[in-house]
C-alpha atoms as a PDB file:
ATOM      1  CA  UNK A   1     -25.125  -0.224  -1.684  1.00  0.00           C
ATOM      2  CA  UNK A   2     -25.188   3.502  -0.590  1.00  0.00           C
ATOM      3  CA  UNK A   3     -21.693   5.736  -0.780  1.00  0.00           C
ATOM      4  CA  UNK A   4     -21.809   5.621   2.884  1.00  0.00           C
ATOM      5  CA  UNK A   5     -21.842   1.587   2.835  1.00  0.00           C
ATOM      6  CA  UNK A   6     -19.168   1.612  -0.210  1.00  0.00           C
ATOM      7  CA  UNK A   7     -16.801   4.064   2.118  1.00  0.00           C
ATOM      8  CA  UNK A   8     -17.335   2.011   5.025  1.00  0.00           C
ATOM      9  CA  UNK A   9     -16.375  -1.486   3.333  1.00  0.00           C
ATOM     10  CA  UNK A  10     -13.199   0.527   1.906  1.00  0.00           C
ATOM     11  CA  UNK A  11     -12.375   1.645   5.322  1.00  0.00           C
ATOM     12  CA  UNK A  12     -12.546  -1.725   6.618  1.00  0.00           C
ATOM     13  CA  UNK A  13     -10.067  -2.806   3.677  1.00  0.00           C
ATOM     14  CA  UNK A  14      -7.631  -0.261   4.390  1.00  0.00           C
ATOM     15  CA  UNK A  15      -7.379  -0.327   7.981  1.00  0.00           C
ATOM     16  CA  UNK A  16      -7.095  -4.310   7.940  1.00  0.00           C
ATOM     17  CA  UNK A  17      -4.310  -3.788   5.582  1.00  0.00           C
ATOM     18  CA  UNK A  18      -2.613  -1.330   7.707  1.00  0.00           C
ATOM     19  CA  UNK A  19      -3.239  -3.485  10.866  1.00  0.00           C
ATOM     20  CA  UNK A  20      -0.164  -5.317  10.139  1.00  0.00           C
ATOM     21  CA  UNK A  21       3.300  -3.737  11.154  1.00  0.00           C
ATOM     22  CA  UNK A  22       5.127  -4.827   8.059  1.00  0.00           C
ATOM     23  CA  UNK A  23       2.105  -3.250   5.573  1.00  0.00           C
ATOM     24  CA  UNK A  24       2.298  -0.172   7.706  1.00  0.00           C
ATOM     25  CA  UNK A  25       5.727   0.253   7.213  1.00  0.00           C
ATOM     26  CA  UNK A  26       5.707  -0.582   3.236  1.00  0.00           C
ATOM     27  CA  UNK A  27       2.593   1.835   2.959  1.00  0.00           C
ATOM     28  CA  UNK A  28       4.719   4.824   4.772  1.00  0.00           C
ATOM     29  CA  UNK A  29       7.564   4.065   2.346  1.00  0.00           C
ATOM     30  CA  UNK A  30       5.541   4.328  -0.632  1.00  0.00           C
ATOM     31  CA  UNK A  31       4.175   7.171   0.397  1.00  0.00           C
ATOM     32  CA  UNK A  32       7.050   9.211   0.983  1.00  0.00           C
ATOM     33  CA  UNK A  33       8.890   7.855  -1.997  1.00  0.00           C
ATOM     34  CA  UNK A  34       6.477   7.040  -4.723  1.00  0.00           C
ATOM     35  CA  UNK A  35       7.221   4.960  -7.748  1.00  0.00           C
ATOM     36  CA  UNK A  36       9.449   2.405  -5.845  1.00  0.00           C
ATOM     37  CA  UNK A  37      10.241  -0.874  -7.707  1.00  0.00           C
ATOM     38  CA  UNK A  38       9.621  -4.061  -5.585  1.00  0.00           C
ATOM     39  CA  UNK A  39      13.365  -4.515  -5.094  1.00  0.00           C
ATOM     40  CA  UNK A  40      13.732  -0.975  -3.882  1.00  0.00           C
ATOM     41  CA  UNK A  41      10.961  -1.708  -1.475  1.00  0.00           C
ATOM     42  CA  UNK A  42      12.617  -5.106  -0.306  1.00  0.00           C
ATOM     43  CA  UNK A  43      16.126  -3.370  -0.009  1.00  0.00           C
ATOM     44  CA  UNK A  44      14.529  -0.615   2.483  1.00  0.00           C
ATOM     45  CA  UNK A  45      12.930  -3.405   4.502  1.00  0.00           C
ATOM     46  CA  UNK A  46      15.810  -5.703   4.843  1.00  0.00           C
ATOM     47  CA  UNK A  47      14.257  -8.366   6.823  1.00  0.00           C
ATOM     48  CA  UNK A  48      11.204  -9.239   4.647  1.00  0.00           C
ATOM     49  CA  UNK A  49      11.760 -12.341   2.266  1.00  0.00           C
ATOM     50  CA  UNK A  50      10.530 -11.436  -1.333  1.00  0.00           C
ATOM     51  CA  UNK A  51       7.562 -13.699  -0.964  1.00  0.00           C
ATOM     52  CA  UNK A  52       6.348 -12.205   2.120  1.00  0.00           C
ATOM     53  CA  UNK A  53       7.152  -8.899   0.352  1.00  0.00           C
ATOM     54  CA  UNK A  54       4.826  -9.859  -2.768  1.00  0.00           C
ATOM     55  CA  UNK A  55       2.053 -11.190  -0.401  1.00  0.00           C
ATOM     56  CA  UNK A  56       2.022  -7.757   1.605  1.00  0.00           C
ATOM     57  CA  UNK A  57       2.298  -5.781  -1.317  1.00  0.00           C
ATOM     58  CA  UNK A  58      -1.053  -7.707  -2.667  1.00  0.00           C
ATOM     59  CA  UNK A  59      -2.810  -6.881   0.367  1.00  0.00           C
ATOM     60  CA  UNK A  60      -2.054  -3.039   0.167  1.00  0.00           C
ATOM     61  CA  UNK A  61      -2.936  -3.221  -3.580  1.00  0.00           C
ATOM     62  CA  UNK A  62      -6.200  -5.338  -3.059  1.00  0.00           C
ATOM     63  CA  UNK A  63      -7.617  -2.417  -0.427  1.00  0.00           C
ATOM     64  CA  UNK A  64      -6.697   0.090  -3.088  1.00  0.00           C
ATOM     65  CA  UNK A  65      -4.428   1.913  -0.726  1.00  0.00           C
ATOM     66  CA  UNK A  66      -1.174   1.293  -3.027  1.00  0.00           C
ATOM     67  CA  UNK A  67      -1.391   1.492  -6.836  1.00  0.00           C
ATOM     68  CA  UNK A  68       0.945  -0.160  -9.251  1.00  0.00           C
ATOM     69  CA  UNK A  69       2.140   0.156 -12.483  1.00  0.00           C
ATOM     70  CA  UNK A  70       4.244  -1.935 -14.694  1.00  0.00           C
ATOM     71  CA  UNK A  71       7.138  -0.932 -16.757  1.00  0.00           C
ATOM     72  CA  UNK A  72       8.557  -3.520 -18.638  1.00  0.00           C
ATOM     73  CA  UNK A  73       9.839  -6.417 -16.141  1.00  0.00           C
ATOM     74  CA  UNK A  74       9.572  -3.777 -13.458  1.00  0.00           C
ATOM     75  CA  UNK A  75       6.310  -2.961 -11.174  1.00  0.00           C
ATOM     76  CA  UNK A  76       6.224   0.347  -9.372  1.00  0.00           C
ATOM     77  CA  UNK A  77       4.380   0.904  -6.257  1.00  0.00           C
ATOM     78  CA  UNK A  78       2.849   4.228  -5.017  1.00  0.00           C
ATOM     79  CA  UNK A  79       0.181   5.362  -2.588  1.00  0.00           C
ATOM     80  CA  UNK A  80      -3.509   6.146  -3.848  1.00  0.00           C
ATOM     81  CA  UNK A  81      -3.222   9.469  -2.360  1.00  0.00           C
ATOM     82  CA  UNK A  82      -7.175  10.120  -2.702  1.00  0.00           C
ATOM     83  CA  UNK A  83      -7.754   7.041  -0.576  1.00  0.00           C
ATOM     84  CA  UNK A  84      -4.897   7.696   1.747  1.00  0.00           C
ATOM     85  CA  UNK A  85      -6.232  11.244   2.557  1.00  0.00           C
ATOM     86  CA  UNK A  86      -9.868  10.061   3.043  1.00  0.00           C
ATOM     87  CA  UNK A  87      -8.667   7.128   5.410  1.00  0.00           C
ATOM     88  CA  UNK A  88      -5.254   7.263   6.398  1.00  0.00           C
ATOM     89  CA  UNK A  89      -3.868  10.877   6.349  1.00  0.00           C
ATOM     90  CA  UNK A  90      -1.101  10.146   8.503  1.00  0.00           C
ATOM     91  CA  UNK A  91       0.533   8.371   5.759  1.00  0.00           C
ATOM     92  CA  UNK A  92       0.792  11.651   4.269  1.00  0.00           C
ATOM     93  CA  UNK A  93       2.272  13.784   6.843  1.00  0.00           C
END
């Protein structure tokens, strides 16, 4: 697979993940406030149920756009800046 084909596949994953309004809000949130934990994201979104938030975060992490790190029982999320710069620079504006 060529680098172009890999980039094209990655772009499709990122754009598909951002194509849902709630996931776009989450991506914007973690881009502006890195290292947010699950509960902090849920508090800021207010109207999203925990299971739905979990689903959206999984979609974003599977696309590679959002990274996570575990710290004890907490998971902290942040935007993968390199990927955002390449495919979704508006998240970093």
